[in-house]
Amino acid sequence: MTEPHIAQKSPIALDVEAGKTYYWCTCGKSAKQPLCDGSHKESSFTPLAWTAPETKTAYLCACKHTKNAPLCDGSHKAL
């Protein structure tokens, strides 16, 4: 698998805590979207570690085509 699976064509809102590290799914196969559940095993994908800079609701990419990973940049609109 060289292209990620498109989990959905809209971002997923996630309440994050400042200083906490989250592991964003890059393959698109995780059942715990937008976070990794290990579904990437035996593929070329690895999760992206991201530490939240502040406590807030973050909108994480679910189409896996963002240029601002793990945050949504609207790339899903062109898919």
C-alpha atoms as a PDB file:
ATOM      1  CA  MET A   1       0.000   0.000   0.000  1.00  0.00           C
ATOM      2  CA  THR A   2       1.653   3.240  -1.113  1.00  0.00           C
ATOM      3  CA  GLU A   3      -1.339   5.558  -0.885  1.00  0.00           C
ATOM      4  CA  PRO A   4      -3.220   5.915   2.393  1.00  0.00           C
ATOM      5  CA  HIS A   5      -6.813   4.758   2.692  1.00  0.00           C
ATOM      6  CA  ILE A   6      -9.239   7.699   2.875  1.00  0.00           C
ATOM      7  CA  ALA A   7     -11.004   7.168   6.207  1.00  0.00           C
ATOM      8  CA  GLN A   8     -13.459  10.019   5.505  1.00  0.00           C
ATOM      9  CA  LYS A   9     -13.573  13.257   3.542  1.00  0.00           C
ATOM     10  CA  SER A  10     -13.910  15.607   6.494  1.00  0.00           C
ATOM     11  CA  PRO A  11     -11.801  16.324   9.571  1.00  0.00           C
ATOM     12  CA  ILE A  12     -12.356  14.690  12.939  1.00  0.00           C
ATOM     13  CA  ALA A  13     -12.682  16.954  15.980  1.00  0.00           C
ATOM     14  CA  LEU A  14     -10.550  15.783  18.900  1.00  0.00           C
ATOM     15  CA  ASP A  15     -10.215  17.443  22.300  1.00  0.00           C
ATOM     16  CA  VAL A  16      -6.463  17.559  22.986  1.00  0.00           C
ATOM     17  CA  GLU A  17      -4.423  18.518  26.056  1.00  0.00           C
ATOM     18  CA  ALA A  18      -1.401  20.815  25.948  1.00  0.00           C
ATOM     19  CA  GLY A  19       1.843  18.851  26.124  1.00  0.00           C
ATOM     20  CA  LYS A  20       0.228  15.453  25.509  1.00  0.00           C
ATOM     21  CA  THR A  21       1.490  13.395  22.565  1.00  0.00           C
ATOM     22  CA  TYR A  22      -1.007  11.804  20.187  1.00  0.00           C
ATOM     23  CA  TYR A  23      -0.251   9.239  17.476  1.00  0.00           C
ATOM     24  CA  TRP A  24      -2.061  10.179  14.285  1.00  0.00           C
ATOM     25  CA  CYS A  25      -2.948   7.365  11.897  1.00  0.00           C
ATOM     26  CA  THR A  26      -1.180   7.830   8.547  1.00  0.00           C
ATOM     27  CA  CYS A  27      -2.470   4.689   6.789  1.00  0.00           C
ATOM     28  CA  GLY A  28      -6.188   5.445   7.132  1.00  0.00           C
ATOM     29  CA  LYS A  29      -7.034   1.896   8.277  1.00  0.00           C
ATOM     30  CA  SER A  30      -7.304   2.524  12.038  1.00  0.00           C
ATOM     31  CA  ALA A  31     -10.682   1.805  13.627  1.00  0.00           C
ATOM     32  CA  LYS A  32      -9.847   4.529  16.183  1.00  0.00           C
ATOM     33  CA  GLN A  33      -9.642   7.404  13.649  1.00  0.00           C
ATOM     34  CA  PRO A  34      -7.929   9.789  13.637  1.00  0.00           C
ATOM     35  CA  LEU A  35      -5.548   8.015  16.029  1.00  0.00           C
ATOM     36  CA  CYS A  36      -3.442   4.922  15.371  1.00  0.00           C
ATOM     37  CA  ASP A  37      -4.560   1.469  16.517  1.00  0.00           C
ATOM     38  CA  GLY A  38      -1.705  -0.482  14.908  1.00  0.00           C
ATOM     39  CA  SER A  39      -3.536  -1.327  11.670  1.00  0.00           C
ATOM     40  CA  HIS A  40      -0.507  -0.117   9.680  1.00  0.00           C
ATOM     41  CA  LYS A  41       1.546  -3.171  10.664  1.00  0.00           C
ATOM     42  CA  GLU A  42       3.042  -4.992   7.677  1.00  0.00           C
ATOM     43  CA  SER A  43       2.786  -1.823   5.578  1.00  0.00           C
ATOM     44  CA  SER A  44       5.149   1.054   4.876  1.00  0.00           C
ATOM     45  CA  PHE A  45       3.138   3.425   7.098  1.00  0.00           C
ATOM     46  CA  THR A  46       3.994   4.494  10.639  1.00  0.00           C
ATOM     47  CA  PRO A  47       1.977   6.745  12.965  1.00  0.00           C
ATOM     48  CA  LEU A  48       2.911  10.398  13.312  1.00  0.00           C
ATOM     49  CA  ALA A  49       3.680  11.540  16.868  1.00  0.00           C
ATOM     50  CA  TRP A  50       2.179  14.988  17.471  1.00  0.00           C
ATOM     51  CA  THR A  51       2.321  16.940  20.721  1.00  0.00           C
ATOM     52  CA  ALA A  52      -0.568  19.336  21.230  1.00  0.00           C
ATOM     53  CA  PRO A  53       0.703  22.897  21.735  1.00  0.00           C
ATOM     54  CA  GLU A  54      -2.408  23.928  23.680  1.00  0.00           C
ATOM     55  CA  THR A  55      -5.573  22.476  25.196  1.00  0.00           C
ATOM     56  CA  LYS A  56      -8.340  22.883  22.628  1.00  0.00           C
ATOM     57  CA  THR A  57     -10.445  21.095  20.044  1.00  0.00           C
ATOM     58  CA  ALA A  58      -8.159  20.186  17.145  1.00  0.00           C
ATOM     59  CA  TYR A  59      -9.457  19.163  13.724  1.00  0.00           C
ATOM     60  CA  LEU A  60      -7.358  16.230  12.569  1.00  0.00           C
ATOM     61  CA  CYS A  61      -7.192  15.087   8.977  1.00  0.00           C
ATOM     62  CA  ALA A  62      -9.092  11.896   8.133  1.00  0.00           C
ATOM     63  CA  CYS A  63      -8.463  11.857   4.374  1.00  0.00           C
ATOM     64  CA  LYS A  64      -4.703  11.461   5.057  1.00  0.00           C
ATOM     65  CA  HIS A  65      -3.740  13.900   2.288  1.00  0.00           C
ATOM     66  CA  THR A  66      -3.159  17.037   4.383  1.00  0.00           C
ATOM     67  CA  LYS A  67       0.038  19.023   3.867  1.00  0.00           C
ATOM     68  CA  ASN A  68      -0.173  20.151   7.539  1.00  0.00           C
ATOM     69  CA  ALA A  69      -0.252  16.747   9.288  1.00  0.00           C
ATOM     70  CA  PRO A  70      -1.970  15.884  11.474  1.00  0.00           C
ATOM     71  CA  LEU A  71      -4.212  18.933  11.162  1.00  0.00           C
ATOM     72  CA  CYS A  72      -6.785  19.267   8.400  1.00  0.00           C
ATOM     73  CA  ASP A  73      -5.861  21.739   5.653  1.00  0.00           C
ATOM     74  CA  GLY A  74      -8.942  21.173   3.458  1.00  0.00           C
ATOM     75  CA  SER A  75      -7.229  18.728   1.081  1.00  0.00           C
ATOM     76  CA  HIS A  76     -10.286  16.461   1.306  1.00  0.00           C
ATOM     77  CA  LYS A  77     -12.230  18.958  -0.810  1.00  0.00           C
ATOM     78  CA  ALA A  78     -10.123  18.045  -3.870  1.00  0.00           C
ATOM     79  CA  LEU A  79     -10.491  14.262  -3.510  1.00  0.00           C
END
